[in-house]
Amino acid sequence: FARLVGEGAPQTYPSLVALLQAMLAGPTARSHEHLTRDVPDVAAVWDRLVRDLAQRTVTPTLVHGDFCAPNVYVSPPTTPDEAPRVAGVGDFSPHTLQADPLMDLTGAVAFLELETYEGAVADSEWLLGQAVQRHGPEVARWIGVYRRYFGFYFSDTAEVEPRTYAWCLRQLDGA
């Protein structure tokens, strides 16, 4: 498990939990006051995230970490029965890790909700259904876990991107 890009990179970690806790250290330190105020029992939400991540067994692979519409290149279908396919991913950044590939699947599903068009949430729900159909019902659990991770990861946006911070709170609510 490793952080691949950014200050101090590359840096390896002995486990997924250690890597992701390191990735969350900065954002949660910066957002501590907001999270303490806005998330009832934020410590319990954090503890549950760490417990859940400790249960994940995965071979680390390249994770883009910011898998959203502007960073994905899609090729259109060439036949009526073919679906669009991801043709490439760009904009590698300090979000890029050697970690769990389900983090990128979570980003594809969850970050879609941050798009401003009217059907974004419905599209996110549809994409989650597609993920479950292709990978089985257990994938929904892990997408939920990684939603919480990203809720903490982007929680330092309260002052600069209130809309993103509100999304973070929804990821951490009821966890």
N, C-alpha and C. Protein backbone atom coordinates (compact mmCIF):
# COMPACT_ATOMS: atom_id res chain seq x y z
N PHE A 1 0.86 -1.16 0.00
CA PHE A 1 0.00 0.00 0.00
C PHE A 1 0.90 1.22 0.00
N ALA A 2 0.54 2.23 -0.82
CA ALA A 2 1.45 3.37 -0.94
C ALA A 2 0.72 4.63 -1.39
N ARG A 3 1.29 5.73 -1.01
CA ARG A 3 0.94 7.03 -1.56
C ARG A 3 1.93 7.23 -2.68
N LEU A 4 1.44 7.52 -3.89
CA LEU A 4 2.30 7.52 -5.07
C LEU A 4 2.71 8.90 -5.56
N VAL A 5 1.91 9.93 -5.30
CA VAL A 5 2.16 11.27 -5.83
C VAL A 5 2.00 12.27 -4.70
N GLY A 6 2.77 13.33 -4.75
CA GLY A 6 2.61 14.40 -3.78
C GLY A 6 3.76 14.46 -2.79
N GLU A 7 3.63 15.35 -1.84
CA GLU A 7 4.67 15.58 -0.84
C GLU A 7 4.99 14.29 -0.08
N GLY A 8 6.27 13.96 -0.04
CA GLY A 8 6.71 12.77 0.67
C GLY A 8 6.53 11.47 -0.09
N ALA A 9 5.98 11.53 -1.28
CA ALA A 9 5.73 10.32 -2.07
C ALA A 9 6.96 9.96 -2.88
N PRO A 10 7.14 8.74 -3.21
CA PRO A 10 6.30 7.62 -2.80
C PRO A 10 6.59 7.23 -1.35
N GLN A 11 5.54 6.79 -0.69
CA GLN A 11 5.66 6.36 0.69
C GLN A 11 4.82 5.11 0.86
N THR A 12 5.41 4.06 1.41
CA THR A 12 4.69 2.81 1.57
C THR A 12 4.16 2.67 3.00
N TYR A 13 3.14 1.82 3.13
CA TYR A 13 2.48 1.57 4.41
C TYR A 13 2.25 0.07 4.55
N PRO A 14 2.25 -0.42 5.78
CA PRO A 14 2.12 -1.86 6.00
C PRO A 14 0.72 -2.41 5.76
N SER A 15 -0.28 -1.53 5.71
CA SER A 15 -1.66 -2.01 5.55
C SER A 15 -2.52 -0.93 4.91
N LEU A 16 -3.68 -1.35 4.43
CA LEU A 16 -4.66 -0.42 3.89
C LEU A 16 -5.08 0.59 4.95
N VAL A 17 -5.33 0.12 6.16
CA VAL A 17 -5.75 1.01 7.24
C VAL A 17 -4.69 2.08 7.50
N ALA A 18 -3.44 1.68 7.58
CA ALA A 18 -2.37 2.64 7.85
C ALA A 18 -2.27 3.69 6.74
N LEU A 19 -2.36 3.26 5.49
CA LEU A 19 -2.33 4.20 4.37
C LEU A 19 -3.49 5.18 4.46
N LEU A 20 -4.70 4.67 4.62
CA LEU A 20 -5.86 5.56 4.58
C LEU A 20 -5.93 6.46 5.81
N GLN A 21 -5.47 5.98 6.95
CA GLN A 21 -5.41 6.87 8.11
C GLN A 21 -4.41 8.00 7.86
N ALA A 22 -3.28 7.68 7.23
CA ALA A 22 -2.31 8.72 6.89
C ALA A 22 -2.91 9.72 5.90
N MET A 23 -3.66 9.23 4.93
CA MET A 23 -4.29 10.12 3.95
C MET A 23 -5.33 11.03 4.61
N LEU A 24 -5.97 10.55 5.67
CA LEU A 24 -7.01 11.33 6.34
C LEU A 24 -6.47 12.27 7.41
N ALA A 25 -5.23 12.11 7.80
CA ALA A 25 -4.68 12.90 8.90
C ALA A 25 -4.80 14.41 8.66
N GLY A 26 -4.37 14.87 7.50
CA GLY A 26 -4.43 16.30 7.20
C GLY A 26 -5.84 16.84 7.11
N PRO A 27 -6.68 16.23 6.25
CA PRO A 27 -8.04 16.75 6.12
C PRO A 27 -8.83 16.75 7.43
N THR A 28 -8.71 15.69 8.22
CA THR A 28 -9.50 15.64 9.46
C THR A 28 -8.94 16.59 10.52
N ALA A 29 -7.64 16.84 10.50
CA ALA A 29 -7.09 17.84 11.42
C ALA A 29 -7.63 19.23 11.06
N ARG A 30 -7.69 19.52 9.76
CA ARG A 30 -8.19 20.83 9.32
C ARG A 30 -9.69 20.97 9.53
N SER A 31 -10.43 19.87 9.51
CA SER A 31 -11.89 19.95 9.61
C SER A 31 -12.42 19.56 10.98
N HIS A 32 -11.53 19.31 11.93
CA HIS A 32 -11.95 18.82 13.25
C HIS A 32 -13.07 19.64 13.86
N GLU A 33 -12.91 20.95 13.88
CA GLU A 33 -13.93 21.82 14.50
C GLU A 33 -15.28 21.68 13.80
N HIS A 34 -15.27 21.70 12.48
CA HIS A 34 -16.52 21.57 11.73
C HIS A 34 -17.16 20.20 11.95
N LEU A 35 -16.35 19.13 11.86
CA LEU A 35 -16.91 17.78 12.01
C LEU A 35 -17.46 17.56 13.41
N THR A 36 -16.77 18.05 14.41
CA THR A 36 -17.24 17.89 15.79
C THR A 36 -18.58 18.58 15.97
N ARG A 37 -18.74 19.71 15.32
CA ARG A 37 -20.00 20.46 15.41
C ARG A 37 -21.10 19.82 14.57
N ASP A 38 -20.77 19.31 13.38
CA ASP A 38 -21.78 18.93 12.40
C ASP A 38 -22.11 17.45 12.31
N VAL A 39 -21.28 16.58 12.88
CA VAL A 39 -21.52 15.13 12.79
C VAL A 39 -21.70 14.60 14.20
N PRO A 40 -22.94 14.22 14.55
CA PRO A 40 -23.15 13.65 15.88
C PRO A 40 -22.26 12.42 16.07
N ASP A 41 -21.54 12.39 17.17
CA ASP A 41 -20.66 11.28 17.53
C ASP A 41 -19.69 10.94 16.40
N VAL A 42 -18.99 11.95 15.93
CA VAL A 42 -18.03 11.77 14.83
C VAL A 42 -16.97 10.74 15.19
N ALA A 43 -16.62 10.63 16.46
CA ALA A 43 -15.61 9.63 16.88
C ALA A 43 -16.11 8.22 16.60
N ALA A 44 -17.38 7.96 16.80
CA ALA A 44 -17.94 6.63 16.52
C ALA A 44 -17.95 6.36 15.01
N VAL A 45 -18.22 7.39 14.21
CA VAL A 45 -18.20 7.24 12.75
C VAL A 45 -16.78 6.89 12.31
N TRP A 46 -15.80 7.57 12.88
CA TRP A 46 -14.39 7.30 12.57
C TRP A 46 -14.03 5.86 12.97
N ASP A 47 -14.38 5.49 14.19
CA ASP A 47 -14.04 4.14 14.67
C ASP A 47 -14.65 3.05 13.80
N ARG A 48 -15.87 3.27 13.37
CA ARG A 48 -16.52 2.28 12.50
C ARG A 48 -15.79 2.19 11.16
N LEU A 49 -15.37 3.33 10.61
CA LEU A 49 -14.62 3.33 9.36
C LEU A 49 -13.34 2.50 9.51
N VAL A 50 -12.60 2.74 10.57
CA VAL A 50 -11.34 2.02 10.78
C VAL A 50 -11.61 0.52 10.95
N ARG A 51 -12.63 0.16 11.73
CA ARG A 51 -12.98 -1.27 11.90
C ARG A 51 -13.35 -1.90 10.56
N ASP A 52 -14.15 -1.21 9.77
CA ASP A 52 -14.56 -1.76 8.47
C ASP A 52 -13.35 -1.93 7.55
N LEU A 53 -12.50 -0.92 7.49
CA LEU A 53 -11.32 -1.00 6.62
C LEU A 53 -10.41 -2.14 7.04
N ALA A 54 -10.32 -2.41 8.34
CA ALA A 54 -9.47 -3.49 8.84
C ALA A 54 -9.96 -4.86 8.37
N GLN A 55 -11.23 -4.96 7.98
CA GLN A 55 -11.80 -6.22 7.49
C GLN A 55 -11.55 -6.44 6.00
N ARG A 56 -11.11 -5.41 5.31
CA ARG A 56 -10.94 -5.50 3.86
C ARG A 56 -9.63 -6.19 3.52
N THR A 57 -9.73 -7.25 2.75
CA THR A 57 -8.56 -7.94 2.23
C THR A 57 -8.49 -7.66 0.74
N VAL A 58 -7.37 -7.07 0.31
CA VAL A 58 -7.27 -6.65 -1.08
C VAL A 58 -5.80 -6.62 -1.49
N THR A 59 -5.57 -6.93 -2.75
CA THR A 59 -4.26 -6.76 -3.34
C THR A 59 -4.18 -5.32 -3.84
N PRO A 60 -3.21 -4.55 -3.37
CA PRO A 60 -3.13 -3.14 -3.78
C PRO A 60 -2.91 -3.00 -5.29
N THR A 61 -3.66 -2.09 -5.88
CA THR A 61 -3.51 -1.75 -7.29
C THR A 61 -3.54 -0.23 -7.42
N LEU A 62 -3.27 0.26 -8.61
CA LEU A 62 -3.30 1.69 -8.86
C LEU A 62 -4.71 2.23 -8.67
N VAL A 63 -4.83 3.24 -7.83
CA VAL A 63 -6.11 3.92 -7.57
C VAL A 63 -5.92 5.38 -7.94
N HIS A 64 -6.71 5.85 -8.87
CA HIS A 64 -6.64 7.25 -9.31
C HIS A 64 -6.98 8.17 -8.15
N GLY A 65 -8.07 7.87 -7.43
CA GLY A 65 -8.43 8.60 -6.23
C GLY A 65 -9.36 9.77 -6.43
N ASP A 66 -9.55 10.20 -7.64
CA ASP A 66 -10.43 11.34 -7.93
C ASP A 66 -11.19 11.00 -9.21
N PHE A 67 -11.84 9.87 -9.17
CA PHE A 67 -12.49 9.29 -10.33
C PHE A 67 -13.84 9.96 -10.53
N CYS A 68 -13.83 11.07 -11.23
CA CYS A 68 -15.05 11.83 -11.48
C CYS A 68 -15.12 12.20 -12.97
N ALA A 69 -16.24 12.70 -13.39
CA ALA A 69 -16.50 12.94 -14.81
C ALA A 69 -15.38 13.70 -15.54
N PRO A 70 -14.85 14.79 -15.00
CA PRO A 70 -13.81 15.51 -15.74
C PRO A 70 -12.50 14.74 -15.92
N ASN A 71 -12.29 13.69 -15.13
CA ASN A 71 -11.03 12.95 -15.19
C ASN A 71 -11.12 11.63 -15.95
N VAL A 72 -12.27 11.36 -16.55
CA VAL A 72 -12.48 10.07 -17.22
C VAL A 72 -12.79 10.30 -18.69
N TYR A 73 -12.12 9.53 -19.53
CA TYR A 73 -12.37 9.58 -20.97
C TYR A 73 -13.22 8.36 -21.33
N VAL A 74 -14.32 8.60 -22.00
CA VAL A 74 -15.27 7.53 -22.33
C VAL A 74 -15.35 7.38 -23.84
N SER A 75 -15.31 6.13 -24.29
CA SER A 75 -15.50 5.87 -25.72
C SER A 75 -16.97 5.50 -25.94
N PRO A 76 -17.58 6.07 -26.96
CA PRO A 76 -19.00 5.78 -27.23
C PRO A 76 -19.16 4.36 -27.77
N PRO A 77 -20.35 3.81 -27.61
CA PRO A 77 -20.60 2.47 -28.16
C PRO A 77 -20.47 2.49 -29.68
N THR A 78 -20.01 1.39 -30.23
CA THR A 78 -19.87 1.28 -31.68
C THR A 78 -21.02 0.48 -32.29
N THR A 79 -21.78 -0.23 -31.44
CA THR A 79 -22.95 -0.97 -31.89
C THR A 79 -24.10 -0.68 -30.93
N PRO A 80 -25.34 -0.89 -31.35
CA PRO A 80 -26.49 -0.58 -30.49
C PRO A 80 -26.52 -1.38 -29.18
N ASP A 81 -25.96 -2.59 -29.17
CA ASP A 81 -26.01 -3.39 -27.95
C ASP A 81 -24.78 -3.22 -27.06
N GLU A 82 -23.88 -2.34 -27.44
CA GLU A 82 -22.67 -2.10 -26.66
C GLU A 82 -22.86 -0.88 -25.75
N ALA A 83 -22.26 -0.93 -24.57
CA ALA A 83 -22.31 0.19 -23.64
C ALA A 83 -21.07 1.06 -23.81
N PRO A 84 -21.15 2.33 -23.39
CA PRO A 84 -19.94 3.16 -23.39
C PRO A 84 -18.90 2.53 -22.47
N ARG A 85 -17.64 2.74 -22.77
CA ARG A 85 -16.55 2.17 -21.96
C ARG A 85 -15.57 3.26 -21.56
N VAL A 86 -15.02 3.09 -20.36
CA VAL A 86 -13.95 3.99 -19.93
C VAL A 86 -12.73 3.69 -20.79
N ALA A 87 -12.25 4.71 -21.49
CA ALA A 87 -11.12 4.54 -22.40
C ALA A 87 -9.82 5.02 -21.77
N GLY A 88 -9.92 5.85 -20.74
CA GLY A 88 -8.72 6.35 -20.10
C GLY A 88 -9.05 7.22 -18.91
N VAL A 89 -8.04 7.47 -18.11
CA VAL A 89 -8.18 8.30 -16.92
C VAL A 89 -7.02 9.28 -16.93
N GLY A 90 -7.30 10.54 -16.63
CA GLY A 90 -6.25 11.55 -16.61
C GLY A 90 -6.18 12.27 -15.29
N ASP A 91 -5.28 13.19 -15.18
CA ASP A 91 -5.17 14.08 -14.03
C ASP A 91 -4.76 13.34 -12.77
N PHE A 92 -3.65 12.60 -12.81
CA PHE A 92 -3.17 11.95 -11.60
C PHE A 92 -2.65 13.02 -10.65
N SER A 93 -2.84 12.78 -9.35
CA SER A 93 -2.58 13.82 -8.35
C SER A 93 -2.22 13.19 -7.02
N PRO A 94 -2.09 13.99 -5.96
CA PRO A 94 -1.82 13.41 -4.64
C PRO A 94 -2.92 12.47 -4.14
N HIS A 95 -4.04 12.41 -4.83
CA HIS A 95 -5.09 11.44 -4.48
C HIS A 95 -4.73 10.03 -4.96
N THR A 96 -3.73 9.93 -5.84
CA THR A 96 -3.36 8.66 -6.46
C THR A 96 -2.61 7.77 -5.47
N LEU A 97 -3.10 6.53 -5.34
CA LEU A 97 -2.57 5.59 -4.35
C LEU A 97 -2.34 4.22 -4.97
N GLN A 98 -1.65 3.40 -4.24
CA GLN A 98 -1.65 1.96 -4.50
C GLN A 98 -2.48 1.40 -3.36
N ALA A 99 -3.73 1.05 -3.67
CA ALA A 99 -4.69 0.69 -2.62
C ALA A 99 -5.79 -0.20 -3.22
N ASP A 100 -6.99 -0.04 -2.73
CA ASP A 100 -8.13 -0.86 -3.11
C ASP A 100 -8.80 -0.28 -4.36
N PRO A 101 -8.91 -1.06 -5.44
CA PRO A 101 -9.55 -0.54 -6.64
C PRO A 101 -11.02 -0.16 -6.43
N LEU A 102 -11.65 -0.68 -5.40
CA LEU A 102 -13.04 -0.27 -5.14
C LEU A 102 -13.14 1.19 -4.73
N MET A 103 -12.03 1.80 -4.38
CA MET A 103 -12.05 3.23 -4.10
C MET A 103 -12.41 4.01 -5.36
N ASP A 104 -11.87 3.59 -6.51
CA ASP A 104 -12.21 4.28 -7.75
C ASP A 104 -13.65 3.99 -8.17
N LEU A 105 -14.12 2.78 -7.95
CA LEU A 105 -15.52 2.49 -8.25
C LEU A 105 -16.42 3.36 -7.38
N THR A 106 -16.05 3.52 -6.11
CA THR A 106 -16.81 4.40 -5.22
C THR A 106 -16.81 5.82 -5.75
N GLY A 107 -15.65 6.29 -6.17
CA GLY A 107 -15.57 7.64 -6.72
C GLY A 107 -16.48 7.81 -7.93
N ALA A 108 -16.48 6.82 -8.81
CA ALA A 108 -17.34 6.90 -10.00
C ALA A 108 -18.80 7.02 -9.60
N VAL A 109 -19.20 6.25 -8.61
CA VAL A 109 -20.60 6.26 -8.16
C VAL A 109 -20.90 7.52 -7.34
N ALA A 110 -20.11 7.76 -6.31
CA ALA A 110 -20.43 8.80 -5.34
C ALA A 110 -20.15 10.21 -5.82
N PHE A 111 -19.04 10.41 -6.53
CA PHE A 111 -18.71 11.76 -6.97
C PHE A 111 -19.67 12.26 -8.04
N LEU A 112 -20.37 11.35 -8.69
CA LEU A 112 -21.38 11.74 -9.67
C LEU A 112 -22.45 12.62 -9.01
N GLU A 113 -22.70 12.38 -7.73
CA GLU A 113 -23.70 13.18 -7.00
C GLU A 113 -23.28 14.64 -6.88
N LEU A 114 -22.01 14.93 -7.06
CA LEU A 114 -21.52 16.30 -6.97
C LEU A 114 -21.71 17.08 -8.26
N GLU A 115 -22.06 16.39 -9.32
CA GLU A 115 -22.33 17.08 -10.59
C GLU A 115 -23.60 17.91 -10.41
N THR A 116 -23.70 19.00 -11.15
CA THR A 116 -24.79 19.96 -10.92
C THR A 116 -26.03 19.74 -11.79
N TYR A 117 -26.02 18.77 -12.68
CA TYR A 117 -27.20 18.58 -13.50
C TYR A 117 -28.30 17.87 -12.70
N GLU A 118 -29.53 18.04 -13.13
CA GLU A 118 -30.69 17.59 -12.37
C GLU A 118 -30.73 16.09 -12.09
N GLY A 119 -30.29 15.26 -12.98
CA GLY A 119 -30.38 13.82 -12.78
C GLY A 119 -29.15 13.16 -12.18
N ALA A 120 -28.24 13.94 -11.61
CA ALA A 120 -26.98 13.38 -11.12
C ALA A 120 -27.17 12.32 -10.05
N VAL A 121 -28.02 12.56 -9.09
CA VAL A 121 -28.23 11.59 -8.01
C VAL A 121 -28.86 10.31 -8.57
N ALA A 122 -29.83 10.46 -9.45
CA ALA A 122 -30.44 9.28 -10.07
C ALA A 122 -29.41 8.50 -10.89
N ASP A 123 -28.54 9.20 -11.58
CA ASP A 123 -27.49 8.53 -12.34
C ASP A 123 -26.53 7.79 -11.41
N SER A 124 -26.23 8.39 -10.26
CA SER A 124 -25.37 7.74 -9.28
C SER A 124 -26.02 6.45 -8.77
N GLU A 125 -27.30 6.51 -8.49
CA GLU A 125 -28.03 5.31 -8.04
C GLU A 125 -28.04 4.24 -9.12
N TRP A 126 -28.22 4.65 -10.37
CA TRP A 126 -28.20 3.69 -11.48
C TRP A 126 -26.82 3.03 -11.57
N LEU A 127 -25.76 3.85 -11.46
CA LEU A 127 -24.41 3.32 -11.56
C LEU A 127 -24.11 2.36 -10.41
N LEU A 128 -24.60 2.66 -9.22
CA LEU A 128 -24.45 1.73 -8.10
C LEU A 128 -25.14 0.40 -8.42
N GLY A 129 -26.33 0.47 -9.00
CA GLY A 129 -27.03 -0.75 -9.41
C GLY A 129 -26.23 -1.56 -10.41
N GLN A 130 -25.59 -0.87 -11.34
CA GLN A 130 -24.75 -1.56 -12.33
C GLN A 130 -23.55 -2.23 -11.65
N ALA A 131 -22.96 -1.54 -10.69
CA ALA A 131 -21.81 -2.11 -9.96
C ALA A 131 -22.23 -3.36 -9.20
N VAL A 132 -23.39 -3.31 -8.55
CA VAL A 132 -23.89 -4.47 -7.80
C VAL A 132 -24.18 -5.61 -8.76
N GLN A 133 -24.78 -5.29 -9.89
CA GLN A 133 -25.10 -6.31 -10.89
C GLN A 133 -23.83 -7.00 -11.41
N ARG A 134 -22.79 -6.23 -11.63
CA ARG A 134 -21.55 -6.80 -12.18
C ARG A 134 -20.66 -7.46 -11.13
N HIS A 135 -20.66 -6.92 -9.91
CA HIS A 135 -19.69 -7.38 -8.92
C HIS A 135 -20.32 -8.05 -7.70
N GLY A 136 -21.64 -8.10 -7.63
CA GLY A 136 -22.31 -8.75 -6.52
C GLY A 136 -22.70 -7.78 -5.42
N PRO A 137 -23.61 -8.21 -4.56
CA PRO A 137 -24.17 -7.31 -3.54
C PRO A 137 -23.15 -6.81 -2.52
N GLU A 138 -22.08 -7.55 -2.28
CA GLU A 138 -21.06 -7.13 -1.30
C GLU A 138 -20.39 -5.82 -1.71
N VAL A 139 -20.37 -5.53 -3.01
CA VAL A 139 -19.73 -4.29 -3.46
C VAL A 139 -20.45 -3.06 -2.89
N ALA A 140 -21.75 -3.16 -2.68
CA ALA A 140 -22.50 -2.03 -2.12
C ALA A 140 -22.01 -1.71 -0.71
N ARG A 141 -21.68 -2.73 0.07
CA ARG A 141 -21.15 -2.50 1.42
C ARG A 141 -19.85 -1.72 1.34
N TRP A 142 -18.93 -2.15 0.47
CA TRP A 142 -17.63 -1.49 0.39
C TRP A 142 -17.74 -0.09 -0.20
N ILE A 143 -18.66 0.11 -1.11
CA ILE A 143 -18.88 1.47 -1.60
C ILE A 143 -19.35 2.35 -0.45
N GLY A 144 -20.19 1.82 0.42
CA GLY A 144 -20.62 2.57 1.61
C GLY A 144 -19.46 2.91 2.53
N VAL A 145 -18.55 1.96 2.72
CA VAL A 145 -17.37 2.20 3.55
C VAL A 145 -16.51 3.30 2.92
N TYR A 146 -16.26 3.19 1.64
CA TYR A 146 -15.42 4.20 0.99
C TYR A 146 -16.13 5.55 0.84
N ARG A 147 -17.45 5.56 0.82
CA ARG A 147 -18.16 6.84 0.89
C ARG A 147 -17.79 7.56 2.19
N ARG A 148 -17.74 6.81 3.29
CA ARG A 148 -17.35 7.41 4.57
C ARG A 148 -15.90 7.90 4.51
N TYR A 149 -15.02 7.09 3.92
CA TYR A 149 -13.63 7.52 3.78
C TYR A 149 -13.57 8.87 3.03
N PHE A 150 -14.25 8.95 1.89
CA PHE A 150 -14.21 10.19 1.11
C PHE A 150 -14.93 11.32 1.84
N GLY A 151 -15.93 11.00 2.65
CA GLY A 151 -16.57 12.03 3.47
C GLY A 151 -15.58 12.69 4.41
N PHE A 152 -14.72 11.88 5.02
CA PHE A 152 -13.66 12.44 5.86
C PHE A 152 -12.58 13.10 5.01
N TYR A 153 -12.23 12.47 3.89
CA TYR A 153 -11.11 12.95 3.07
C TYR A 153 -11.36 14.37 2.54
N PHE A 154 -12.58 14.65 2.13
CA PHE A 154 -12.88 15.97 1.58
C PHE A 154 -13.57 16.88 2.60
N SER A 155 -13.51 16.51 3.89
CA SER A 155 -14.23 17.26 4.92
C SER A 155 -13.61 18.62 5.22
N ASP A 156 -12.45 18.90 4.70
CA ASP A 156 -11.82 20.21 4.94
C ASP A 156 -12.27 21.27 3.94
N THR A 157 -13.39 21.01 3.28
CA THR A 157 -13.88 21.94 2.26
C THR A 157 -14.98 22.88 2.75
N ALA A 158 -15.31 22.86 4.04
CA ALA A 158 -16.44 23.64 4.55
C ALA A 158 -16.37 25.11 4.17
N GLU A 159 -15.21 25.70 4.27
CA GLU A 159 -15.08 27.13 4.00
C GLU A 159 -14.97 27.44 2.51
N VAL A 160 -14.34 26.56 1.74
CA VAL A 160 -14.06 26.87 0.33
C VAL A 160 -15.08 26.26 -0.63
N GLU A 161 -15.68 25.15 -0.28
CA GLU A 161 -16.67 24.48 -1.13
C GLU A 161 -17.80 23.94 -0.27
N PRO A 162 -18.69 24.81 0.19
CA PRO A 162 -19.76 24.37 1.09
C PRO A 162 -20.63 23.24 0.51
N ARG A 163 -20.79 23.22 -0.79
CA ARG A 163 -21.60 22.16 -1.43
C ARG A 163 -20.91 20.80 -1.26
N THR A 164 -19.60 20.78 -1.44
CA THR A 164 -18.84 19.54 -1.25
C THR A 164 -18.87 19.13 0.22
N TYR A 165 -18.75 20.10 1.12
CA TYR A 165 -18.81 19.79 2.54
C TYR A 165 -20.18 19.20 2.91
N ALA A 166 -21.23 19.74 2.37
CA ALA A 166 -22.57 19.19 2.63
C ALA A 166 -22.66 17.74 2.14
N TRP A 167 -22.04 17.46 0.98
CA TRP A 167 -21.98 16.08 0.48
C TRP A 167 -21.22 15.21 1.48
N CYS A 168 -20.11 15.71 2.00
CA CYS A 168 -19.32 14.95 2.99
C CYS A 168 -20.19 14.61 4.20
N LEU A 169 -20.95 15.56 4.68
CA LEU A 169 -21.80 15.31 5.83
C LEU A 169 -22.82 14.22 5.54
N ARG A 170 -23.35 14.18 4.32
CA ARG A 170 -24.29 13.12 3.96
C ARG A 170 -23.61 11.75 3.96
N GLN A 171 -22.33 11.71 3.60
CA GLN A 171 -21.61 10.43 3.59
C GLN A 171 -21.37 9.95 5.02
N LEU A 172 -21.24 10.87 5.95
CA LEU A 172 -20.92 10.52 7.33
C LEU A 172 -22.16 10.38 8.20
N ASP A 173 -23.29 10.84 7.72
CA ASP A 173 -24.55 10.77 8.47
C ASP A 173 -25.06 9.34 8.53
N GLY A 174 -25.42 8.91 9.71
CA GLY A 174 -26.01 7.58 9.85
C GLY A 174 -25.04 6.45 9.64
N ALA A 175 -23.75 6.77 9.60
CA ALA A 175 -22.75 5.73 9.40
C ALA A 175 -22.69 4.87 10.63
